[in-house]
Protein backbone atom coordinates (compact mmCIF):
# COMPACT_ATOMS: atom_id res chain seq x y z
CA UNK A 1 40.05 -16.81 21.73
CA UNK A 2 37.34 -15.40 23.98
CA UNK A 3 38.65 -12.43 25.92
CA UNK A 4 37.29 -11.90 29.45
CA UNK A 5 36.60 -8.27 30.34
CA UNK A 6 39.04 -8.60 33.27
CA UNK A 7 41.87 -8.69 30.71
CA UNK A 8 41.11 -5.18 29.42
CA UNK A 9 43.96 -2.86 30.40
CA UNK A 10 43.28 0.57 28.90
CA UNK A 11 41.12 2.35 26.40
CA UNK A 12 42.99 3.28 23.22
CA UNK A 13 42.15 6.18 20.93
CA UNK A 14 45.05 6.15 18.46
CA UNK A 15 46.69 3.40 16.50
CA UNK A 16 49.44 1.64 18.44
CA UNK A 17 52.92 3.01 17.95
CA UNK A 18 54.66 3.53 21.27
CA UNK A 19 53.52 0.24 22.83
CA UNK A 20 55.30 -1.74 20.12
CA UNK A 21 58.27 0.58 19.55
CA UNK A 22 60.85 -2.10 20.41
CA UNK A 23 59.59 -4.55 17.78
CA UNK A 24 61.17 -4.98 14.34
CA UNK A 25 59.37 -3.01 11.59
CA UNK A 26 57.37 -5.90 10.08
CA UNK A 27 55.77 -7.18 13.31
CA UNK A 28 55.01 -3.59 14.35
CA UNK A 29 53.38 -2.95 10.96
CA UNK A 30 51.29 -6.14 11.29
CA UNK A 31 50.06 -5.03 14.71
CA UNK A 32 49.08 -1.59 13.39
CA UNK A 33 47.22 -3.19 10.47
CA UNK A 34 45.32 -5.57 12.76
CA UNK A 35 44.36 -2.62 14.96
CA UNK A 36 43.19 -0.63 11.92
CA UNK A 37 41.07 -3.57 10.68
CA UNK A 38 39.49 -3.92 14.11
CA UNK A 39 38.83 -0.18 14.38
CA UNK A 40 37.12 -0.25 10.96
CA UNK A 41 34.59 -2.73 12.42
CA UNK A 42 33.72 -0.46 15.35
CA UNK A 43 30.31 1.20 15.33
CA UNK A 44 29.50 4.63 16.69
CA UNK A 45 29.67 4.55 20.47
CA UNK A 46 32.03 1.56 20.56
CA UNK A 47 35.29 1.77 22.48
CA UNK A 48 38.64 0.21 21.56
CA UNK A 49 40.59 -1.29 24.43
CA UNK A 50 43.99 -2.94 24.77
CA UNK A 51 44.10 -6.23 26.65
CA UNK A 52 46.66 -8.59 28.15
CA UNK A 53 46.05 -11.80 30.00
CA UNK A 54 47.27 -11.83 33.62
CA UNK A 55 50.64 -13.38 34.43
CA UNK A 56 48.99 -16.11 36.53
CA UNK A 57 47.44 -17.50 33.30
CA UNK A 58 50.63 -17.53 31.20
CA UNK A 59 51.67 -21.06 32.15
CA UNK A 60 48.35 -22.49 31.00
CA UNK A 61 47.48 -20.12 28.13
CA UNK A 62 50.72 -18.41 27.15
CA UNK A 63 51.02 -14.63 27.11
CA UNK A 64 48.60 -12.78 24.83
CA UNK A 65 48.05 -9.12 24.10
CA UNK A 66 45.71 -7.45 21.68
CA UNK A 67 42.80 -5.13 21.15
CA UNK A 68 39.05 -5.42 21.62
CA UNK A 69 35.92 -3.57 20.63
CA UNK A 70 33.72 -2.93 23.65
CA UNK A 71 30.06 -2.16 23.00
CA UNK A 72 27.79 -1.26 25.89
CA UNK A 73 30.25 -2.83 28.33
CA UNK A 74 30.67 -6.12 26.44
CA UNK A 75 33.54 -7.31 24.26
CA UNK A 76 32.08 -7.90 20.80
CA UNK A 77 35.23 -8.39 18.73
CA UNK A 78 38.92 -8.85 19.48
CA UNK A 79 42.25 -9.51 17.86
CA UNK A 80 45.36 -11.05 19.45
CA UNK A 81 48.47 -9.25 18.21
CA UNK A 82 51.21 -10.94 20.25
CA UNK A 83 51.47 -14.43 21.70
CA UNK A 84 54.32 -16.08 23.58
């Protein structure tokens, strides 16, 4: 899935814990692992951002959240961690 830059919500420095605190242990672990894999692909100077598609797109696309590597203002890699 191609992630538009408008979906970026906040820059993240640390692996996700609090954002997925209400999830059962296995899904939360999967999300942390996906984030760690993505972070391992980041080059020096890259930024990791969380994203979520806007509610006005949910009917057509479903609800998606995840993380993206942003390099020089462009999304170069992303991973969807939740979908409804």
